[in-house]
Protein backbone atom coordinates (compact mmCIF):
# COMPACT_ATOMS: atom_id res chain seq x y z
CA MET A 1 35.19 -43.31 14.74
CA GLY A 2 38.93 -42.84 13.94
CA ILE A 3 40.78 -41.93 10.79
CA PHE A 4 39.75 -44.90 8.77
CA GLY A 5 36.12 -44.46 9.69
CA ASN A 6 36.40 -40.75 8.35
CA LEU A 7 38.07 -42.01 5.14
CA PHE A 8 35.24 -44.49 4.23
CA ARG A 9 32.32 -42.34 5.48
CA LYS A 10 29.72 -42.11 2.76
CA LYS A 11 29.77 -38.53 1.25
CA GLU A 12 26.50 -36.66 1.17
CA GLU A 13 25.22 -36.33 -2.30
CA PRO A 14 25.69 -32.79 -3.85
CA ILE A 15 22.68 -30.66 -4.16
CA ILE A 16 21.52 -29.70 -7.54
CA PRO A 17 20.10 -26.20 -7.49
CA VAL A 18 16.30 -26.08 -7.30
CA ASP A 19 14.34 -25.06 -10.45
CA LEU A 20 12.38 -22.12 -9.59
CA SER A 21 10.35 -22.42 -12.65
CA VAL A 22 8.44 -25.18 -10.99
CA LEU A 23 6.82 -22.53 -8.81
CA LYS A 24 5.82 -20.46 -11.87
CA THR A 25 4.41 -17.73 -9.64
CA ASP A 26 5.90 -15.50 -6.91
CA ILE A 27 3.22 -14.17 -4.54
CA HIS A 28 5.23 -11.62 -2.53
CA SER A 29 7.32 -8.77 -3.82
CA HIS A 30 7.53 -5.07 -3.90
CA LEU A 31 7.81 -4.24 -7.55
CA LEU A 32 5.32 -1.32 -8.04
CA PRO A 33 7.57 1.82 -8.01
CA GLY A 34 7.30 4.47 -5.47
CA LEU A 35 4.59 2.85 -3.34
CA ASP A 36 6.69 1.50 -0.47
CA ASP A 37 10.23 0.48 0.53
CA GLY A 38 10.73 -1.66 -2.66
CA SER A 39 11.32 -0.53 -6.28
CA GLU A 40 11.71 3.28 -6.60
CA THR A 41 11.43 3.72 -10.39
CA ILE A 42 9.81 1.98 -13.41
CA ASP A 43 13.30 1.27 -14.73
CA GLU A 44 14.17 -0.46 -11.44
CA SER A 45 10.97 -2.57 -11.63
CA ILE A 46 11.60 -3.71 -15.10
CA ASP A 47 15.09 -4.72 -14.27
CA LEU A 48 13.88 -6.74 -11.28
CA ILE A 49 11.29 -8.40 -13.30
CA LYS A 50 13.75 -9.43 -15.95
CA LYS A 51 15.87 -10.94 -13.29
CA LEU A 52 12.94 -12.84 -11.83
CA TYR A 53 12.23 -14.17 -15.36
CA GLU A 54 15.94 -15.33 -15.61
CA LEU A 55 15.40 -17.21 -12.24
CA GLY A 56 12.45 -19.09 -13.88
CA TYR A 57 9.40 -17.15 -12.78
CA LYS A 58 6.64 -16.52 -15.37
CA LYS A 59 4.34 -14.44 -13.11
CA ALA A 60 4.57 -12.11 -10.08
CA ILE A 61 1.70 -11.26 -7.82
CA THR A 62 3.36 -8.13 -6.34
CA SER A 63 2.21 -6.99 -2.92
CA PRO A 64 2.89 -3.42 -1.78
CA HIS A 65 2.77 -2.72 1.96
CA ILE A 66 -0.40 -1.17 3.42
CA ILE A 67 0.33 0.26 6.88
CA SER A 68 -2.12 2.60 8.27
CA ASP A 69 0.40 5.13 9.75
CA PHE A 70 3.01 4.85 7.00
CA TYR A 71 1.99 3.28 3.59
CA LYS A 72 -1.51 4.46 3.02
CA ASN A 73 -1.92 2.56 -0.15
CA THR A 74 -5.40 1.90 -1.56
CA PRO A 75 -6.62 -0.56 -4.15
CA GLU A 76 -7.06 2.46 -6.58
CA ILE A 77 -3.43 3.64 -6.07
CA ILE A 78 -2.16 0.12 -6.37
CA LEU A 79 -4.04 -0.90 -9.43
CA ASN A 80 -3.24 2.42 -11.22
CA LYS A 81 0.42 1.86 -10.69
CA LEU A 82 0.05 -1.77 -11.72
CA ASN A 83 -1.44 -0.60 -15.07
CA ILE A 84 1.46 1.83 -15.62
CA LEU A 85 4.00 -0.97 -14.97
CA LYS A 86 2.16 -3.37 -17.37
CA GLY A 87 2.32 -0.69 -20.01
CA ALA A 88 5.90 -0.26 -19.56
CA LEU A 89 6.49 -4.11 -19.74
CA LYS A 90 4.57 -4.11 -23.03
CA ASN A 91 6.43 -1.29 -24.48
CA ALA A 92 9.72 -2.97 -23.53
CA GLY A 93 8.57 -6.29 -25.23
CA ILE A 94 8.83 -8.22 -21.96
CA GLU A 95 6.31 -11.17 -21.70
CA PHE A 96 5.82 -11.47 -18.01
CA GLU A 97 2.47 -11.75 -16.32
CA ILE A 98 2.01 -9.46 -13.33
CA GLU A 99 -0.85 -8.95 -10.95
CA ALA A 100 -1.22 -6.96 -7.58
CA CYS A 101 -2.63 -7.70 -4.25
CA ALA A 102 -1.26 -6.01 -1.03
CA GLU A 103 0.71 -7.02 2.11
CA TYR A 104 -1.59 -5.92 4.97
CA LEU A 105 0.07 -5.19 8.34
CA VAL A 106 -2.26 -6.40 11.18
CA ASP A 107 -2.76 -2.97 12.77
CA ASP A 108 -5.86 -0.81 13.82
CA GLY A 109 -6.28 0.27 10.22
CA LEU A 110 -6.75 -3.27 8.77
CA GLU A 111 -10.14 -3.65 10.63
CA LYS A 112 -11.45 -0.43 8.91
CA ILE A 113 -10.22 -1.73 5.50
CA VAL A 114 -12.11 -4.97 5.90
CA GLU A 115 -15.23 -3.11 7.00
CA LYS A 116 -15.05 -1.08 3.89
CA ASN A 117 -14.51 -4.19 1.67
CA GLU A 118 -11.34 -2.67 0.22
CA ILE A 119 -9.31 -5.80 0.30
CA LEU A 120 -6.88 -6.64 -2.68
CA THR A 121 -6.73 -10.51 -2.82
CA PHE A 122 -4.88 -12.95 -5.06
CA GLY A 123 -5.78 -16.36 -6.47
CA LYS A 124 -9.06 -17.83 -4.95
CA ASN A 125 -9.82 -14.97 -2.40
CA PHE A 126 -6.29 -15.18 -0.54
CA ILE A 127 -5.21 -12.16 1.52
CA LEU A 128 -1.62 -11.63 2.45
CA ILE A 129 -1.06 -10.30 6.05
CA GLU A 130 2.09 -9.56 8.03
CA LEU A 131 2.78 -8.94 11.61
CA SER A 132 5.10 -6.51 13.38
CA LEU A 133 8.47 -7.98 13.81
CA GLN A 134 8.69 -6.53 17.42
CA TYR A 135 5.55 -8.07 18.85
CA ALA A 136 2.42 -9.99 18.09
CA PRO A 137 -0.87 -7.93 18.00
CA ASN A 138 -3.30 -8.59 20.84
CA ASN A 139 -6.25 -8.80 18.37
CA LEU A 140 -4.67 -11.31 15.90
CA LYS A 141 -7.02 -14.10 16.56
CA LYS A 142 -10.00 -11.84 16.11
CA ILE A 143 -8.58 -10.26 12.98
CA ILE A 144 -8.02 -13.77 11.36
CA PHE A 145 -11.46 -14.95 12.40
CA ASP A 146 -13.13 -11.76 10.89
CA LEU A 147 -11.24 -12.25 7.73
CA GLN A 148 -12.20 -15.94 7.40
CA ILE A 149 -15.88 -15.30 8.18
CA ASN A 150 -15.82 -12.77 5.32
CA GLY A 151 -14.61 -15.43 3.00
CA TYR A 152 -10.95 -14.69 2.80
CA LYS A 153 -8.22 -17.15 3.07
CA VAL A 154 -5.60 -15.81 5.21
CA VAL A 155 -1.88 -16.11 4.20
CA LEU A 156 0.76 -15.19 6.81
CA ALA A 157 3.83 -13.46 5.31
CA HIS A 158 7.28 -14.83 6.42
CA PRO A 159 6.15 -16.43 9.76
CA GLU A 160 9.78 -17.39 10.26
CA ARG A 161 10.63 -13.87 10.90
CA TYR A 162 8.56 -13.47 14.01
CA LEU A 163 11.17 -14.49 16.49
CA TYR A 164 9.11 -13.49 19.51
CA TRP A 165 7.51 -16.87 19.05
CA VAL A 166 10.76 -18.82 18.54
CA ASP A 167 10.62 -20.41 21.88
CA ASP A 168 6.85 -20.78 21.78
CA PHE A 169 6.28 -23.01 18.64
CA LYS A 170 2.82 -23.78 19.65
CA LYS A 171 1.81 -20.29 18.53
CA PHE A 172 2.56 -21.29 14.94
CA GLU A 173 0.79 -24.55 15.30
CA GLU A 174 -2.31 -22.77 16.65
CA MET A 175 -2.43 -20.55 13.53
CA LYS A 176 -2.06 -23.67 11.21
CA ASP A 177 -4.89 -25.21 13.19
CA ARG A 178 -6.95 -22.08 12.33
CA ASP A 179 -6.41 -22.82 8.66
CA VAL A 180 -3.91 -20.00 8.11
CA PHE A 181 -1.53 -20.55 5.20
CA PHE A 182 2.08 -19.78 5.67
CA GLN A 183 4.21 -18.02 3.15
CA MET A 184 8.07 -18.35 3.63
CA ASN A 185 10.68 -16.07 2.29
CA ILE A 186 13.18 -18.11 0.09
CA ILE A 187 16.17 -16.17 1.37
CA SER A 188 15.31 -16.96 5.04
CA LEU A 189 16.92 -20.45 4.26
CA SER A 190 20.21 -18.62 3.44
CA GLY A 191 20.71 -16.92 6.88
CA TYR A 192 20.04 -13.55 5.13
CA TYR A 193 17.98 -12.26 8.02
CA SER A 194 19.79 -14.11 10.79
CA PRO A 195 20.89 -17.66 11.72
CA LEU A 196 17.81 -17.87 14.13
CA VAL A 197 15.33 -17.07 11.33
CA LYS A 198 17.09 -19.77 9.18
CA LYS A 199 16.61 -22.35 11.93
CA LEU A 200 12.93 -21.46 12.45
CA ALA A 201 12.43 -21.68 8.71
CA GLU A 202 13.94 -25.19 8.66
CA LYS A 203 11.71 -26.24 11.61
CA MET A 204 8.59 -25.19 9.87
CA ILE A 205 9.58 -27.02 6.79
CA THR A 206 10.26 -30.10 8.84
CA HIS A 207 6.66 -29.89 10.32
CA ASP A 208 5.27 -29.40 6.78
CA MET A 209 3.82 -25.93 7.62
CA ILE A 210 4.83 -23.99 4.48
CA ASP A 211 2.17 -23.45 1.70
CA PHE A 212 3.84 -20.77 -0.51
CA LEU A 213 7.26 -19.57 -1.20
CA GLY A 214 7.79 -15.78 -1.86
CA THR A 215 10.83 -13.74 -2.90
CA ASP A 216 9.77 -10.70 -0.79
CA LEU A 217 11.80 -8.86 -3.45
CA HIS A 218 12.67 -5.27 -2.64
CA HIS A 219 15.90 -4.79 -4.52
CA VAL A 220 18.85 -6.43 -6.35
CA ARG A 221 20.50 -7.58 -3.17
CA HIS A 222 17.56 -9.88 -2.49
CA LEU A 223 18.01 -11.52 -6.07
CA ASN A 224 21.66 -12.23 -5.16
CA ALA A 225 20.57 -13.85 -1.83
CA ILE A 226 17.93 -15.92 -3.78
CA ARG A 227 20.71 -17.23 -6.00
CA ASN A 228 22.75 -18.13 -2.97
CA THR A 229 19.85 -20.15 -1.39
CA LEU A 230 19.18 -22.47 -4.34
CA GLN A 231 21.45 -25.19 -3.13
CA GLU A 232 20.07 -25.27 0.53
CA ARG A 233 19.15 -28.78 1.52
CA TYR A 234 15.87 -27.64 3.19
CA LEU A 235 14.78 -25.78 0.08
CA GLU A 236 15.27 -28.93 -1.88
CA ASN A 237 13.25 -30.87 0.91
CA LEU A 238 10.44 -28.23 0.47
CA PHE A 239 10.25 -28.57 -3.23
CA LYS A 240 10.21 -32.40 -3.06
CA SER A 241 7.39 -32.28 -0.45
CA GLY A 242 4.87 -31.37 -3.03
CA LYS A 243 3.24 -29.04 -0.50
CA LEU A 244 3.84 -25.67 -2.26
CA LEU A 245 0.75 -24.04 -3.99
CA ASN A 246 2.46 -21.34 -6.02
CA HIS A 247 1.97 -23.06 -9.23
CA THR A 248 -1.90 -23.21 -8.64
CA LEU A 249 -2.06 -19.40 -9.05
């Protein structure tokens, strides 16, 4: 193009940071103290919630891990801890709505939980599931089908992090064809996990696959990463798409 072409090239408009208050609700976090790899104490939970409020959130549906061989949480354990945290927020004078569901790893234990009808859902019977980051489970289609025939709406947590399908994008398309909702982690768009995760997240946004945004908040480092993501072009595009459902919860 030459030097003069570069001089007169139209500059890209600057991106105004997205307003997270539009979402209202975060559906994926680890704020219940001592239950998994997230918050460790009540004080840490309260501090993280204060910072979520500062970012614009009015509500969090927190989602501790349930992994059969590691985090053996139950609805009773989770709801008891939720009530303790609610009490602490009230005593601290913090007006922030908090509920709890769970993030279920698709493993052998999940089928047993479904059989016992011990699922913690959010919204209108949504269930949040996650896959191993190393490999896809062989029974994934069956698990999804069983959940759906039992009346659950399946939400797949952070699909952009399942890099074993990065060269087989049809796997994601097949899941959308099966009416699976996709929940993206906001910080995936910053490159926090890896450049490849960022690229896959952007591709999913381009294909209108994302239904929910989540913080997947574990600690203060994630909050800093969220702030660093607010001027990402693809995040802006996702907000403008009108596809996100967080505000309906």
